[in-house]
Amino acid sequence: MTSRVRFEDEADAEYRAAARWYEGRRTGLALEFFDAVDAAVRQIVDLPRAGAKVPRLPTSLPVRRIPVKRFPYHVVYLEESAAIRVLALAHDRRKPGYWKSRLP
């Protein structure tokens, strides 16, 4: 098991943009969002295969996703030998699969 997590630049940008949006809605909500994403990432580190496999992808690409509690997001990730690679922090109701262009 690996404990390294690497956010792709695009995923990091999505993370920060969502946090800014939540903070604009209510002071402190961004911190709650950060905590929820952090909990999802810790779950991935502890049990990398706990996330649901993303359907309709080649089996050679074990891309998984795990929900962010209380928020309409999933952490989309790929388990690699050296690290967990976060491909996207994907909103559940916007542009499904937009992040697939980030696959290796």
PDB file of N, CA and C in Angstrom:
ATOM      1  N   MET A   1       0.846  -1.186   0.000  1.00  0.00           N
ATOM      2  CA  MET A   1       0.000   0.000   0.000  1.00  0.00           C
ATOM      3  C   MET A   1       0.885   1.241   0.000  1.00  0.00           C
ATOM      4  N   THR A   2       0.460   2.222  -0.713  1.00  0.00           N
ATOM      5  CA  THR A   2       1.194   3.481  -0.758  1.00  0.00           C
ATOM      6  C   THR A   2       0.470   4.533   0.068  1.00  0.00           C
ATOM      7  N   SER A   3       1.216   5.436   0.620  1.00  0.00           N
ATOM      8  CA  SER A   3       0.567   6.507   1.379  1.00  0.00           C
ATOM      9  C   SER A   3       0.763   7.865   0.708  1.00  0.00           C
ATOM     10  N   ARG A   4       1.407   7.861  -0.442  1.00  0.00           N
ATOM     11  CA  ARG A   4       1.607   9.121  -1.167  1.00  0.00           C
ATOM     12  C   ARG A   4       0.378   9.444  -2.011  1.00  0.00           C
ATOM     13  N   VAL A   5      -0.039  10.677  -1.949  1.00  0.00           N
ATOM     14  CA  VAL A   5      -1.162  11.140  -2.766  1.00  0.00           C
ATOM     15  C   VAL A   5      -0.669  12.328  -3.576  1.00  0.00           C
ATOM     16  N   ARG A   6      -0.946  12.285  -4.862  1.00  0.00           N
ATOM     17  CA  ARG A   6      -0.520  13.370  -5.752  1.00  0.00           C
ATOM     18  C   ARG A   6      -1.746  13.873  -6.510  1.00  0.00           C
ATOM     19  N   PHE A   7      -2.082  15.126  -6.316  1.00  0.00           N
ATOM     20  CA  PHE A   7      -3.182  15.750  -7.051  1.00  0.00           C
ATOM     21  C   PHE A   7      -2.642  16.262  -8.381  1.00  0.00           C
ATOM     22  N   GLU A   8      -3.293  15.894  -9.469  1.00  0.00           N
ATOM     23  CA  GLU A   8      -2.977  16.503 -10.757  1.00  0.00           C
ATOM     24  C   GLU A   8      -3.273  18.001 -10.641  1.00  0.00           C
ATOM     25  N   ASP A   9      -2.589  18.811 -11.435  1.00  0.00           N
ATOM     26  CA  ASP A   9      -2.797  20.263 -11.362  1.00  0.00           C
ATOM     27  C   ASP A   9      -4.262  20.636 -11.554  1.00  0.00           C
ATOM     28  N   GLU A  10      -4.923  19.972 -12.501  1.00  0.00           N
ATOM     29  CA  GLU A  10      -6.334  20.272 -12.767  1.00  0.00           C
ATOM     30  C   GLU A  10      -7.207  19.921 -11.567  1.00  0.00           C
ATOM     31  N   ALA A  11      -6.914  18.806 -10.910  1.00  0.00           N
ATOM     32  CA  ALA A  11      -7.684  18.393  -9.735  1.00  0.00           C
ATOM     33  C   ALA A  11      -7.480  19.384  -8.596  1.00  0.00           C
ATOM     34  N   ASP A  12      -6.254  19.839  -8.428  1.00  0.00           N
ATOM     35  CA  ASP A  12      -5.966  20.828  -7.395  1.00  0.00           C
ATOM     36  C   ASP A  12      -6.713  22.132  -7.680  1.00  0.00           C
ATOM     37  N   ALA A  13      -6.754  22.536  -8.939  1.00  0.00           N
ATOM     38  CA  ALA A  13      -7.484  23.753  -9.311  1.00  0.00           C
ATOM     39  C   ALA A  13      -8.978  23.593  -9.033  1.00  0.00           C
ATOM     40  N   GLU A  14      -9.524  22.415  -9.312  1.00  0.00           N
ATOM     41  CA  GLU A  14     -10.945  22.151  -9.032  1.00  0.00           C
ATOM     42  C   GLU A  14     -11.215  22.229  -7.532  1.00  0.00           C
ATOM     43  N   TYR A  15     -10.310  21.668  -6.760  1.00  0.00           N
ATOM     44  CA  TYR A  15     -10.409  21.658  -5.302  1.00  0.00           C
ATOM     45  C   TYR A  15     -10.465  23.089  -4.771  1.00  0.00           C
ATOM     46  N   ARG A  16      -9.548  23.919  -5.224  1.00  0.00           N
ATOM     47  CA  ARG A  16      -9.480  25.301  -4.757  1.00  0.00           C
ATOM     48  C   ARG A  16     -10.684  26.127  -5.232  1.00  0.00           C
ATOM     49  N   ALA A  17     -11.108  25.905  -6.460  1.00  0.00           N
ATOM     50  CA  ALA A  17     -12.265  26.643  -6.989  1.00  0.00           C
ATOM     51  C   ALA A  17     -13.535  26.292  -6.219  1.00  0.00           C
ATOM     52  N   ALA A  18     -13.712  25.020  -5.923  1.00  0.00           N
ATOM     53  CA  ALA A  18     -14.895  24.603  -5.160  1.00  0.00           C
ATOM     54  C   ALA A  18     -14.863  25.203  -3.757  1.00  0.00           C
ATOM     55  N   ALA A  19     -13.696  25.207  -3.136  1.00  0.00           N
ATOM     56  CA  ALA A  19     -13.577  25.778  -1.793  1.00  0.00           C
ATOM     57  C   ALA A  19     -13.912  27.268  -1.806  1.00  0.00           C
ATOM     58  N   ARG A  20     -13.416  27.981  -2.818  1.00  0.00           N
ATOM     59  CA  ARG A  20     -13.746  29.414  -2.924  1.00  0.00           C
ATOM     60  C   ARG A  20     -15.253  29.613  -3.081  1.00  0.00           C
ATOM     61  N   TRP A  21     -15.873  28.770  -3.900  1.00  0.00           N
ATOM     62  CA  TRP A  21     -17.313  28.883  -4.119  1.00  0.00           C
ATOM     63  C   TRP A  21     -18.066  28.663  -2.804  1.00  0.00           C
ATOM     64  N   TYR A  22     -17.684  27.618  -2.061  1.00  0.00           N
ATOM     65  CA  TYR A  22     -18.360  27.340  -0.789  1.00  0.00           C
ATOM     66  C   TYR A  22     -18.137  28.461   0.223  1.00  0.00           C
ATOM     67  N   GLU A  23     -16.931  28.999   0.264  1.00  0.00           N
ATOM     68  CA  GLU A  23     -16.660  30.084   1.208  1.00  0.00           C
ATOM     69  C   GLU A  23     -17.487  31.318   0.858  1.00  0.00           C
ATOM     70  N   GLY A  24     -17.748  31.520  -0.419  1.00  0.00           N
ATOM     71  CA  GLY A  24     -18.599  32.624  -0.840  1.00  0.00           C
ATOM     72  C   GLY A  24     -20.050  32.443  -0.429  1.00  0.00           C
ATOM     73  N   ARG A  25     -20.442  31.221  -0.184  1.00  0.00           N
ATOM     74  CA  ARG A  25     -21.816  30.941   0.226  1.00  0.00           C
ATOM     75  C   ARG A  25     -22.005  31.121   1.727  1.00  0.00           C
ATOM     76  N   ARG A  26     -20.977  30.710   2.485  1.00  0.00           N
ATOM     77  CA  ARG A  26     -21.064  30.831   3.948  1.00  0.00           C
ATOM     78  C   ARG A  26     -19.658  30.790   4.524  1.00  0.00           C
ATOM     79  N   THR A  27     -19.345  31.731   5.377  1.00  0.00           N
ATOM     80  CA  THR A  27     -18.036  31.755   6.021  1.00  0.00           C
ATOM     81  C   THR A  27     -17.822  30.450   6.787  1.00  0.00           C
ATOM     82  N   GLY A  28     -16.687  29.832   6.541  1.00  0.00           N
ATOM     83  CA  GLY A  28     -16.352  28.577   7.216  1.00  0.00           C
ATOM     84  C   GLY A  28     -16.725  27.334   6.443  1.00  0.00           C
ATOM     85  N   LEU A  29     -17.560  27.478   5.419  1.00  0.00           N
ATOM     86  CA  LEU A  29     -17.985  26.299   4.662  1.00  0.00           C
ATOM     87  C   LEU A  29     -16.826  25.698   3.871  1.00  0.00           C
ATOM     88  N   ALA A  30     -15.890  26.531   3.448  1.00  0.00           N
ATOM     89  CA  ALA A  30     -14.714  25.999   2.737  1.00  0.00           C
ATOM     90  C   ALA A  30     -13.917  25.072   3.643  1.00  0.00           C
ATOM     91  N   LEU A  31     -13.782  25.414   4.913  1.00  0.00           N
ATOM     92  CA  LEU A  31     -13.061  24.538   5.846  1.00  0.00           C
ATOM     93  C   LEU A  31     -13.777  23.205   6.010  1.00  0.00           C
ATOM     94  N   GLU A  32     -15.094  23.240   6.040  1.00  0.00           N
ATOM     95  CA  GLU A  32     -15.857  21.993   6.122  1.00  0.00           C
ATOM     96  C   GLU A  32     -15.639  21.157   4.863  1.00  0.00           C
ATOM     97  N   PHE A  33     -15.584  21.823   3.716  1.00  0.00           N
ATOM     98  CA  PHE A  33     -15.318  21.133   2.457  1.00  0.00           C
ATOM     99  C   PHE A  33     -13.919  20.527   2.474  1.00  0.00           C
ATOM    100  N   PHE A  34     -12.910  21.306   2.896  1.00  0.00           N
ATOM    101  CA  PHE A  34     -11.541  20.783   2.997  1.00  0.00           C
ATOM    102  C   PHE A  34     -11.502  19.546   3.887  1.00  0.00           C
ATOM    103  N   ASP A  35     -12.177  19.611   5.033  1.00  0.00           N
ATOM    104  CA  ASP A  35     -12.197  18.470   5.953  1.00  0.00           C
ATOM    105  C   ASP A  35     -12.833  17.246   5.307  1.00  0.00           C
ATOM    106  N   ALA A  36     -13.915  17.455   4.568  1.00  0.00           N
ATOM    107  CA  ALA A  36     -14.607  16.332   3.927  1.00  0.00           C
ATOM    108  C   ALA A  36     -13.745  15.708   2.829  1.00  0.00           C
ATOM    109  N   VAL A  37     -13.069  16.538   2.044  1.00  0.00           N
ATOM    110  CA  VAL A  37     -12.178  16.010   1.003  1.00  0.00           C
ATOM    111  C   VAL A  37     -11.010  15.287   1.658  1.00  0.00           C
ATOM    112  N   ASP A  38     -10.460  15.863   2.715  1.00  0.00           N
ATOM    113  CA  ASP A  38      -9.353  15.230   3.431  1.00  0.00           C
ATOM    114  C   ASP A  38      -9.764  13.858   3.967  1.00  0.00           C
ATOM    115  N   ALA A  39     -10.963  13.747   4.496  1.00  0.00           N
ATOM    116  CA  ALA A  39     -11.451  12.454   4.995  1.00  0.00           C
ATOM    117  C   ALA A  39     -11.563  11.440   3.863  1.00  0.00           C
ATOM    118  N   ALA A  40     -12.033  11.879   2.705  1.00  0.00           N
ATOM    119  CA  ALA A  40     -12.134  10.976   1.550  1.00  0.00           C
ATOM    120  C   ALA A  40     -10.749  10.514   1.109  1.00  0.00           C
ATOM    121  N   VAL A  41      -9.792  11.427   1.082  1.00  0.00           N
ATOM    122  CA  VAL A  41      -8.427  11.074   0.674  1.00  0.00           C
ATOM    123  C   VAL A  41      -7.799  10.121   1.685  1.00  0.00           C
ATOM    124  N   ARG A  42      -8.019  10.351   2.968  1.00  0.00           N
ATOM    125  CA  ARG A  42      -7.497   9.421   3.993  1.00  0.00           C
ATOM    126  C   ARG A  42      -8.085   8.033   3.808  1.00  0.00           C
ATOM    127  N   GLN A  43      -9.365   7.967   3.471  1.00  0.00           N
ATOM    128  CA  GLN A  43      -9.997   6.671   3.219  1.00  0.00           C
ATOM    129  C   GLN A  43      -9.337   5.985   2.023  1.00  0.00           C
ATOM    130  N   ILE A  44      -9.024   6.747   0.995  1.00  0.00           N
ATOM    131  CA  ILE A  44      -8.350   6.194  -0.182  1.00  0.00           C
ATOM    132  C   ILE A  44      -6.971   5.660   0.204  1.00  0.00           C
ATOM    133  N   VAL A  45      -6.232   6.418   1.006  1.00  0.00           N
ATOM    134  CA  VAL A  45      -4.896   5.985   1.431  1.00  0.00           C
ATOM    135  C   VAL A  45      -4.991   4.699   2.244  1.00  0.00           C
ATOM    136  N   ASP A  46      -5.961   4.637   3.153  1.00  0.00           N
ATOM    137  CA  ASP A  46      -6.117   3.452   4.003  1.00  0.00           C
ATOM    138  C   ASP A  46      -6.576   2.235   3.220  1.00  0.00           C
ATOM    139  N   LEU A  47      -7.493   2.439   2.294  1.00  0.00           N
ATOM    140  CA  LEU A  47      -8.068   1.335   1.511  1.00  0.00           C
ATOM    141  C   LEU A  47      -8.200   1.770   0.056  1.00  0.00           C
ATOM    142  N   PRO A  48      -7.115   1.735  -0.704  1.00  0.00           N
ATOM    143  CA  PRO A  48      -7.155   2.253  -2.077  1.00  0.00           C
ATOM    144  C   PRO A  48      -8.211   1.607  -2.969  1.00  0.00           C
ATOM    145  N   ARG A  49      -8.558   0.385  -2.695  1.00  0.00           N
ATOM    146  CA  ARG A  49      -9.540  -0.289  -3.554  1.00  0.00           C
ATOM    147  C   ARG A  49     -10.971  -0.166  -3.029  1.00  0.00           C
ATOM    148  N   ALA A  50     -11.164   0.680  -2.036  1.00  0.00           N
ATOM    149  CA  ALA A  50     -12.501   0.866  -1.470  1.00  0.00           C
ATOM    150  C   ALA A  50     -13.415   1.659  -2.398  1.00  0.00           C
ATOM    151  N   GLY A  51     -12.838   2.507  -3.209  1.00  0.00           N
ATOM    152  CA  GLY A  51     -13.646   3.302  -4.126  1.00  0.00           C
ATOM    153  C   GLY A  51     -14.258   2.445  -5.215  1.00  0.00           C
ATOM    154  N   ALA A  52     -15.380   2.893  -5.722  1.00  0.00           N
ATOM    155  CA  ALA A  52     -16.054   2.177  -6.815  1.00  0.00           C
ATOM    156  C   ALA A  52     -15.277   2.376  -8.110  1.00  0.00           C
ATOM    157  N   LYS A  53     -15.154   1.312  -8.895  1.00  0.00           N
ATOM    158  CA  LYS A  53     -14.504   1.440 -10.199  1.00  0.00           C
ATOM    159  C   LYS A  53     -15.367   2.308 -11.102  1.00  0.00           C
ATOM    160  N   VAL A  54     -14.709   3.148 -11.867  1.00  0.00           N
ATOM    161  CA  VAL A  54     -15.423   3.992 -12.821  1.00  0.00           C
ATOM    162  C   VAL A  54     -15.783   3.121 -14.015  1.00  0.00           C
ATOM    163  N   PRO A  55     -17.064   3.041 -14.363  1.00  0.00           N
ATOM    164  CA  PRO A  55     -17.478   2.160 -15.464  1.00  0.00           C
ATOM    165  C   PRO A  55     -17.035   2.682 -16.831  1.00  0.00           C
ATOM    166  N   ARG A  56     -17.066   1.783 -17.785  1.00  0.00           N
ATOM    167  CA  ARG A  56     -16.786   2.084 -19.197  1.00  0.00           C
ATOM    168  C   ARG A  56     -15.377   2.614 -19.444  1.00  0.00           C
ATOM    169  N   LEU A  57     -14.431   2.083 -18.688  1.00  0.00           N
ATOM    170  CA  LEU A  57     -13.017   2.378 -18.921  1.00  0.00           C
ATOM    171  C   LEU A  57     -12.292   1.055 -19.116  1.00  0.00           C
ATOM    172  N   PRO A  58     -11.165   1.057 -19.823  1.00  0.00           N
ATOM    173  CA  PRO A  58     -10.411  -0.187 -19.975  1.00  0.00           C
ATOM    174  C   PRO A  58     -10.019  -0.755 -18.607  1.00  0.00           C
ATOM    175  N   THR A  59     -10.067  -2.065 -18.481  1.00  0.00           N
ATOM    176  CA  THR A  59      -9.712  -2.685 -17.200  1.00  0.00           C
ATOM    177  C   THR A  59      -8.249  -2.453 -16.844  1.00  0.00           C
ATOM    178  N   SER A  60      -7.434  -2.117 -17.826  1.00  0.00           N
ATOM    179  CA  SER A  60      -6.027  -1.826 -17.546  1.00  0.00           C
ATOM    180  C   SER A  60      -5.857  -0.505 -16.789  1.00  0.00           C
ATOM    181  N   LEU A  61      -6.907   0.287 -16.742  1.00  0.00           N
ATOM    182  CA  LEU A  61      -6.884   1.548 -16.001  1.00  0.00           C
ATOM    183  C   LEU A  61      -7.825   1.437 -14.807  1.00  0.00           C
ATOM    184  N   PRO A  62      -7.308   1.043 -13.661  1.00  0.00           N
ATOM    185  CA  PRO A  62      -8.170   0.863 -12.489  1.00  0.00           C
ATOM    186  C   PRO A  62      -8.534   2.199 -11.827  1.00  0.00           C
ATOM    187  N   VAL A  63      -9.287   3.004 -12.553  1.00  0.00           N
ATOM    188  CA  VAL A  63      -9.701   4.307 -12.033  1.00  0.00           C
ATOM    189  C   VAL A  63     -10.889   4.087 -11.103  1.00  0.00           C
ATOM    190  N   ARG A  64     -10.816   4.714  -9.957  1.00  0.00           N
ATOM    191  CA  ARG A  64     -11.870   4.581  -8.948  1.00  0.00           C
ATOM    192  C   ARG A  64     -12.332   5.965  -8.504  1.00  0.00           C
ATOM    193  N   ARG A  65     -13.455   5.965  -7.810  1.00  0.00           N
ATOM    194  CA  ARG A  65     -13.969   7.223  -7.270  1.00  0.00           C
ATOM    195  C   ARG A  65     -14.573   6.956  -5.904  1.00  0.00           C
ATOM    196  N   ILE A  66     -14.480   7.950  -5.071  1.00  0.00           N
ATOM    197  CA  ILE A  66     -15.041   7.839  -3.727  1.00  0.00           C
ATOM    198  C   ILE A  66     -15.773   9.151  -3.426  1.00  0.00           C
ATOM    199  N   PRO A  67     -16.944   9.057  -2.817  1.00  0.00           N
ATOM    200  CA  PRO A  67     -17.712  10.282  -2.576  1.00  0.00           C
ATOM    201  C   PRO A  67     -17.112  11.142  -1.465  1.00  0.00           C
ATOM    202  N   VAL A  68     -17.362  12.434  -1.583  1.00  0.00           N
ATOM    203  CA  VAL A  68     -17.011  13.389  -0.541  1.00  0.00           C
ATOM    204  C   VAL A  68     -18.287  13.595   0.272  1.00  0.00           C
ATOM    205  N   LYS A  69     -18.269  13.194   1.519  1.00  0.00           N
ATOM    206  CA  LYS A  69     -19.478  13.279   2.346  1.00  0.00           C
ATOM    207  C   LYS A  69     -19.947  14.724   2.495  1.00  0.00           C
ATOM    208  N   ARG A  70     -21.274  14.892   2.431  1.00  0.00           N
ATOM    209  CA  ARG A  70     -21.974  16.166   2.588  1.00  0.00           C
ATOM    210  C   ARG A  70     -21.879  17.097   1.391  1.00  0.00           C
ATOM    211  N   PHE A  71     -21.062  16.754   0.406  1.00  0.00           N
ATOM    212  CA  PHE A  71     -20.884  17.631  -0.745  1.00  0.00           C
ATOM    213  C   PHE A  71     -21.065  16.818  -2.019  1.00  0.00           C
ATOM    214  N   PRO A  72     -21.565  17.435  -3.093  1.00  0.00           N
ATOM    215  CA  PRO A  72     -21.843  16.682  -4.327  1.00  0.00           C
ATOM    216  C   PRO A  72     -20.595  16.485  -5.196  1.00  0.00           C
ATOM    217  N   TYR A  73     -19.567  15.897  -4.603  1.00  0.00           N
ATOM    218  CA  TYR A  73     -18.303  15.668  -5.299  1.00  0.00           C
ATOM    219  C   TYR A  73     -17.823  14.243  -5.080  1.00  0.00           C
ATOM    220  N   HIS A  74     -16.993  13.799  -6.014  1.00  0.00           N
ATOM    221  CA  HIS A  74     -16.259  12.539  -5.885  1.00  0.00           C
ATOM    222  C   HIS A  74     -14.781  12.832  -6.114  1.00  0.00           C
ATOM    223  N   VAL A  75     -13.927  12.140  -5.374  1.00  0.00           N
ATOM    224  CA  VAL A  75     -12.500  12.152  -5.663  1.00  0.00           C
ATOM    225  C   VAL A  75     -12.276  11.021  -6.657  1.00  0.00           C
ATOM    226  N   VAL A  76     -11.790  11.355  -7.843  1.00  0.00           N
ATOM    227  CA  VAL A  76     -11.524  10.374  -8.897  1.00  0.00           C
ATOM    228  C   VAL A  76     -10.023  10.129  -8.889  1.00  0.00           C
ATOM    229  N   TYR A  77      -9.630   8.855  -8.752  1.00  0.00           N
ATOM    230  CA  TYR A  77      -8.212   8.575  -8.573  1.00  0.00           C
ATOM    231  C   TYR A  77      -7.779   7.299  -9.273  1.00  0.00           C
ATOM    232  N   LEU A  78      -6.474   7.209  -9.431  1.00  0.00           N
ATOM    233  CA  LEU A  78      -5.840   6.054 -10.051  1.00  0.00           C
ATOM    234  C   LEU A  78      -4.770   5.569  -9.085  1.00  0.00           C
ATOM    235  N   GLU A  79      -4.842   4.305  -8.718  1.00  0.00           N
ATOM    236  CA  GLU A  79      -3.827   3.733  -7.840  1.00  0.00           C
ATOM    237  C   GLU A  79      -2.638   3.308  -8.694  1.00  0.00           C
ATOM    238  N   GLU A  80      -1.506   3.912  -8.427  1.00  0.00           N
ATOM    239  CA  GLU A  80      -0.273   3.563  -9.128  1.00  0.00           C
ATOM    240  C   GLU A  80       0.687   2.942  -8.118  1.00  0.00           C
ATOM    241  N   SER A  81       1.755   2.351  -8.598  1.00  0.00           N
ATOM    242  CA  SER A  81       2.676   1.662  -7.694  1.00  0.00           C
ATOM    243  C   SER A  81       3.326   2.611  -6.689  1.00  0.00           C
ATOM    244  N   ALA A  82       3.629   3.820  -7.096  1.00  0.00           N
ATOM    245  CA  ALA A  82       4.338   4.748  -6.214  1.00  0.00           C
ATOM    246  C   ALA A  82       3.424   5.733  -5.490  1.00  0.00           C
ATOM    247  N   ALA A  83       2.203   5.896  -5.957  1.00  0.00           N
ATOM    248  CA  ALA A  83       1.339   6.918  -5.364  1.00  0.00           C
ATOM    249  C   ALA A  83      -0.109   6.720  -5.784  1.00  0.00           C
ATOM    250  N   ILE A  84      -0.972   7.403  -5.066  1.00  0.00           N
ATOM    251  CA  ILE A  84      -2.367   7.557  -5.473  1.00  0.00           C
ATOM    252  C   ILE A  84      -2.401   8.852  -6.279  1.00  0.00           C
ATOM    253  N   ARG A  85      -2.879   8.768  -7.495  1.00  0.00           N
ATOM    254  CA  ARG A  85      -2.924   9.937  -8.379  1.00  0.00           C
ATOM    255  C   ARG A  85      -4.367  10.424  -8.467  1.00  0.00           C
ATOM    256  N   VAL A  86      -4.646  11.593  -7.917  1.00  0.00           N
ATOM    257  CA  VAL A  86      -5.986  12.170  -7.968  1.00  0.00           C
ATOM    258  C   VAL A  86      -6.137  12.884  -9.304  1.00  0.00           C
ATOM    259  N   LEU A  87      -7.056  12.365 -10.109  1.00  0.00           N
ATOM    260  CA  LEU A  87      -7.283  12.903 -11.450  1.00  0.00           C
ATOM    261  C   LEU A  87      -8.250  14.073 -11.450  1.00  0.00           C
ATOM    262  N   ALA A  88      -9.230  14.020 -10.540  1.00  0.00           N
ATOM    263  CA  ALA A  88     -10.258  15.063 -10.542  1.00  0.00           C
ATOM    264  C   ALA A  88     -10.964  15.117  -9.201  1.00  0.00           C
ATOM    265  N   LEU A  89     -11.456  16.284  -8.890  1.00  0.00           N
ATOM    266  CA  LEU A  89     -12.431  16.450  -7.831  1.00  0.00           C
ATOM    267  C   LEU A  89     -13.697  16.812  -8.590  1.00  0.00           C
ATOM    268  N   ALA A  90     -14.455  15.797  -8.950  1.00  0.00           N
ATOM    269  CA  ALA A  90     -15.539  15.931  -9.919  1.00  0.00           C
ATOM    270  C   ALA A  90     -16.883  16.195  -9.243  1.00  0.00           C
ATOM    271  N   HIS A  91     -17.554  17.236  -9.708  1.00  0.00           N
ATOM    272  CA  HIS A  91     -18.904  17.539  -9.236  1.00  0.00           C
ATOM    273  C   HIS A  91     -19.849  16.481  -9.792  1.00  0.00           C
ATOM    274  N   ASP A  92     -20.752  16.018  -8.959  1.00  0.00           N
ATOM    275  CA  ASP A  92     -21.644  14.920  -9.340  1.00  0.00           C
ATOM    276  C   ASP A  92     -22.657  15.299 -10.415  1.00  0.00           C
ATOM    277  N   ARG A  93     -22.931  16.579 -10.586  1.00  0.00           N
ATOM    278  CA  ARG A  93     -23.994  16.981 -11.509  1.00  0.00           C
ATOM    279  C   ARG A  93     -23.499  17.814 -12.685  1.00  0.00           C
ATOM    280  N   ARG A  94     -22.206  17.791 -12.926  1.00  0.00           N
ATOM    281  CA  ARG A  94     -21.665  18.600 -14.024  1.00  0.00           C
ATOM    282  C   ARG A  94     -20.751  17.776 -14.910  1.00  0.00           C
ATOM    283  N   LYS A  95     -20.937  17.865 -16.186  1.00  0.00           N
ATOM    284  CA  LYS A  95     -20.052  17.281 -17.194  1.00  0.00           C
ATOM    285  C   LYS A  95     -19.494  15.909 -16.816  1.00  0.00           C
ATOM    286  N   PRO A  96     -20.314  14.887 -16.751  1.00  0.00           N
ATOM    287  CA  PRO A  96     -19.792  13.568 -16.379  1.00  0.00           C
ATOM    288  C   PRO A  96     -18.651  13.137 -17.298  1.00  0.00           C
ATOM    289  N   GLY A  97     -17.596  12.639 -16.698  1.00  0.00           N
ATOM    290  CA  GLY A  97     -16.483  12.086 -17.459  1.00  0.00           C
ATOM    291  C   GLY A  97     -15.566  13.094 -18.116  1.00  0.00           C
ATOM    292  N   TYR A  98     -15.747  14.388 -17.828  1.00  0.00           N
ATOM    293  CA  TYR A  98     -14.908  15.414 -18.460  1.00  0.00           C
ATOM    294  C   TYR A  98     -13.418  15.174 -18.214  1.00  0.00           C
ATOM    295  N   TRP A  99     -13.093  14.539 -17.121  1.00  0.00           N
ATOM    296  CA  TRP A  99     -11.711  14.339 -16.690  1.00  0.00           C
ATOM    297  C   TRP A  99     -11.017  13.192 -17.430  1.00  0.00           C
ATOM    298  N   LYS A 100     -11.745  12.451 -18.248  1.00  0.00           N
ATOM    299  CA  LYS A 100     -11.150  11.278 -18.912  1.00  0.00           C
ATOM    300  C   LYS A 100      -9.985  11.639 -19.829  1.00  0.00           C
ATOM    301  N   SER A 101      -9.916  12.875 -20.271  1.00  0.00           N
ATOM    302  CA  SER A 101      -8.771  13.294 -21.096  1.00  0.00           C
ATOM    303  C   SER A 101      -7.477  13.331 -20.279  1.00  0.00           C
ATOM    304  N   ARG A 102      -7.581  13.225 -18.978  1.00  0.00           N
ATOM    305  CA  ARG A 102      -6.404  13.234 -18.095  1.00  0.00           C
ATOM    306  C   ARG A 102      -5.805  11.846 -17.884  1.00  0.00           C
ATOM    307  N   LEU A 103      -6.447  10.841 -18.434  1.00  0.00           N
ATOM    308  CA  LEU A 103      -5.960   9.468 -18.243  1.00  0.00           C
ATOM    309  C   LEU A 103      -4.656   9.247 -18.995  1.00  0.00           C
ATOM    310  N   PRO A 104      -3.805   8.372 -18.453  1.00  0.00           N
ATOM    311  CA  PRO A 104      -2.531   8.091 -19.145  1.00  0.00           C
ATOM    312  C   PRO A 104      -2.749   7.337 -20.442  1.00  0.00           C
TER     313      PRO A 104
END
